[in-house]
Protein backbone atom coordinates (compact mmCIF):
# COMPACT_ATOMS: atom_id res chain seq x y z
CA MET A 1 -47.35 31.84 -67.46
CA SER A 2 -50.45 30.23 -66.51
CA ALA A 3 -50.03 27.44 -69.12
CA ALA A 4 -46.36 26.32 -67.60
CA LEU A 5 -48.22 26.47 -63.87
CA ALA A 6 -51.40 24.34 -65.32
CA PRO A 7 -49.65 20.70 -64.57
CA ALA A 8 -48.69 21.43 -61.15
CA TYR A 9 -52.06 23.11 -60.45
CA ILE A 10 -53.65 20.14 -61.49
CA VAL A 11 -51.10 17.87 -59.54
CA ALA A 12 -52.07 19.72 -56.62
CA SER A 13 -55.90 19.28 -56.98
CA LEU A 14 -55.83 15.77 -57.92
CA LEU A 15 -53.46 14.98 -54.77
CA LEU A 16 -56.24 16.44 -52.73
CA CYS A 17 -58.43 14.20 -54.21
CA VAL A 18 -56.46 11.03 -53.83
CA SER A 19 -55.84 12.35 -49.96
CA GLY A 20 -59.73 12.75 -49.23
CA ALA A 21 -60.51 9.40 -50.77
CA MET A 22 -58.04 7.70 -48.68
CA LYS A 23 -60.00 9.51 -45.58
CA LEU A 24 -63.40 8.37 -46.20
CA ARG A 25 -63.33 5.59 -43.87
CA SER A 26 -61.63 7.22 -41.00
CA LEU A 27 -62.75 10.68 -41.49
CA PRO A 28 -65.81 10.97 -43.95
CA ALA A 29 -66.50 14.60 -43.71
CA LEU A 30 -62.96 15.95 -44.46
CA GLY A 31 -62.57 13.28 -47.37
CA VAL A 32 -65.30 14.28 -48.81
CA GLY A 33 -64.64 17.89 -48.26
CA GLU A 34 -60.90 17.32 -49.85
CA LEU A 35 -62.49 15.31 -52.65
CA ALA A 36 -64.99 18.12 -53.52
CA LEU A 37 -62.53 21.12 -53.46
CA GLY A 38 -59.95 19.00 -55.60
CA ALA A 39 -62.52 18.09 -58.13
CA GLY A 40 -63.95 21.73 -58.27
CA CYS A 41 -60.33 23.05 -58.56
CA VAL A 42 -59.70 20.67 -61.82
CA VAL A 43 -62.98 20.58 -63.35
CA VAL A 44 -63.97 24.24 -62.89
CA PRO A 45 -60.49 25.88 -62.28
CA THR A 46 -61.20 29.58 -60.77
CA ARG A 47 -59.00 31.92 -59.42
CA ALA A 48 -61.34 31.90 -56.19
CA LEU A 49 -61.14 28.13 -55.91
CA ALA A 50 -57.56 28.26 -56.58
CA VAL A 51 -56.61 30.43 -53.65
CA VAL A 52 -58.59 28.32 -51.26
CA LEU A 53 -56.93 25.35 -52.31
CA ALA A 54 -53.63 27.38 -51.94
CA LEU A 55 -54.44 28.13 -48.46
CA VAL A 56 -55.53 24.46 -47.57
CA TYR A 57 -51.95 23.46 -48.49
CA MET A 58 -50.56 26.56 -46.72
CA SER A 59 -52.42 25.32 -43.58
CA PHE A 60 -51.47 21.39 -44.06
CA ALA A 61 -47.85 22.88 -43.73
CA VAL A 62 -48.29 24.54 -40.72
CA VAL A 63 -50.17 21.52 -39.06
CA ALA A 64 -47.33 19.35 -40.51
CA GLU A 65 -44.84 21.55 -39.12
CA VAL A 66 -46.60 21.24 -35.69
CA PHE A 67 -46.65 17.19 -35.80
CA ARG A 68 -43.13 16.99 -36.89
CA ARG A 69 -42.24 18.90 -33.93
CA ARG A 70 -43.99 16.62 -31.91
CA ARG A 71 -42.88 13.37 -33.77
CA GLN A 72 -46.70 12.63 -34.58
CA ALA A 73 -48.31 11.18 -37.74
CA CYS A 74 -50.61 13.08 -39.49
CA GLY A 75 -52.99 10.59 -41.35
CA CYS A 76 -53.08 12.65 -44.64
CA PHE A 77 -53.53 9.55 -46.58
CA GLY A 78 -55.79 7.52 -44.39
CA GLU A 79 -55.52 5.49 -41.08
CA ASP A 80 -52.58 3.38 -42.30
CA ASP A 81 -50.40 6.43 -42.12
CA ASP A 82 -48.75 5.79 -38.56
CA PHE A 83 -45.45 7.47 -39.12
CA PRO A 84 -43.98 10.73 -37.82
CA VAL A 85 -44.21 13.66 -40.19
CA THR A 86 -40.93 14.67 -41.79
CA LEU A 87 -39.28 17.96 -42.89
CA ALA A 88 -40.08 16.37 -46.37
CA HIS A 89 -43.83 16.41 -46.05
CA VAL A 90 -43.70 20.08 -44.58
CA ILE A 91 -41.68 21.54 -47.56
CA ALA A 92 -43.93 19.35 -50.16
CA SER A 93 -46.95 21.13 -48.56
CA GLU A 94 -45.38 24.36 -48.66
CA LEU A 95 -44.29 23.96 -52.38
CA LEU A 96 -47.88 22.94 -53.26
CA GLY A 97 -49.33 25.87 -51.84
CA ALA A 98 -46.87 28.34 -53.73
CA LEU A 99 -47.31 26.83 -57.01
CA VAL A 100 -51.25 26.86 -56.54
CA LEU A 101 -50.99 30.18 -55.28
CA ALA A 102 -48.98 31.29 -58.24
CA ALA A 103 -51.48 29.54 -60.61
CA ALA A 104 -54.23 31.53 -58.89
CA VAL A 105 -52.28 34.80 -59.91
CA ALA A 106 -51.73 33.61 -63.35
CA GLY A 107 -55.10 31.82 -64.12
CA PRO A 108 -55.53 28.18 -63.19
CA ARG A 109 -56.30 25.40 -66.03
CA GLY A 110 -57.67 22.62 -65.46
CA LEU A 111 -58.71 19.27 -67.42
CA GLY A 112 -60.46 21.21 -69.96
CA TRP A 113 -57.02 23.02 -71.13
CA LEU A 114 -55.61 19.69 -70.97
CA LEU A 115 -58.42 17.92 -73.21
CA GLY A 116 -58.07 20.82 -75.63
CA LEU A 117 -54.08 20.27 -76.33
CA PRO A 118 -53.24 18.03 -79.24
CA ALA A 119 -53.37 14.41 -78.47
CA PRO A 120 -49.63 13.73 -78.34
CA GLN A 121 -48.88 16.46 -76.08
CA ALA A 122 -52.01 15.66 -73.81
CA VAL A 123 -51.28 11.95 -73.42
CA VAL A 124 -47.23 12.85 -72.36
CA LEU A 125 -48.78 15.38 -69.84
CA VAL A 126 -51.23 13.13 -68.51
CA ALA A 127 -48.58 10.50 -67.74
CA GLY A 128 -46.67 13.19 -66.36
CA ILE A 129 -49.20 14.27 -64.24
CA ALA A 130 -50.11 10.78 -62.85
CA GLY A 131 -46.22 10.36 -62.09
CA ALA A 132 -46.05 13.53 -60.27
CA VAL A 133 -49.03 12.65 -58.30
CA HIS A 134 -47.91 9.34 -57.02
CA ALA A 135 -44.64 10.76 -56.38
CA VAL A 136 -45.75 13.46 -54.12
CA VAL A 137 -47.95 10.71 -52.37
CA LEU A 138 -44.60 8.81 -51.83
CA VAL A 139 -43.03 12.16 -50.34
CA TYR A 140 -45.94 11.84 -47.88
CA THR A 141 -46.10 8.13 -47.16
CA ALA A 142 -42.95 6.46 -48.20
CA VAL A 143 -40.32 9.02 -47.29
CA PRO A 144 -41.41 8.79 -43.53
CA ARG A 145 -41.31 4.98 -43.39
CA ALA A 146 -37.78 5.13 -45.06
CA TRP A 147 -36.70 7.95 -42.60
CA GLY A 148 -38.29 6.07 -39.75
CA ALA A 149 -36.29 2.67 -40.82
CA TRP A 150 -32.87 4.56 -41.22
CA GLU A 151 -33.06 6.19 -37.96
CA ARG A 152 -33.36 3.14 -36.25
CA ALA A 153 -30.70 1.38 -37.80
């Protein structure tokens, strides 16, 4: 079961790294913290770090729901993130938190596991993980813009 959850766990970890990197100018302490946790989770995947990561995503979901009700932007991906939070944002954070928690229970796997796979399988998984990280970033950033444009139309 842990191998099945490994790609989702790695996506959640790398997503936190991307989010942290985008915050380095506007909120440097938070950005460094997110980068450190995300990198730690993917490089040294332990159950303790996975539980912390799950709690972070669950807390993001709670904060996102508060912001959604206030029609407020979250700034998850830096200072240019100025559209109000949508339900998709809340659900994505909840799902990521649940997947990471499941990985914590099953035993998280990170880059070491990925690099130990046969090359063709590893290449496909790396491409899929990169695509998934990009897709989730779009859920957090492009969906609110698209939803806002649709509401104004």
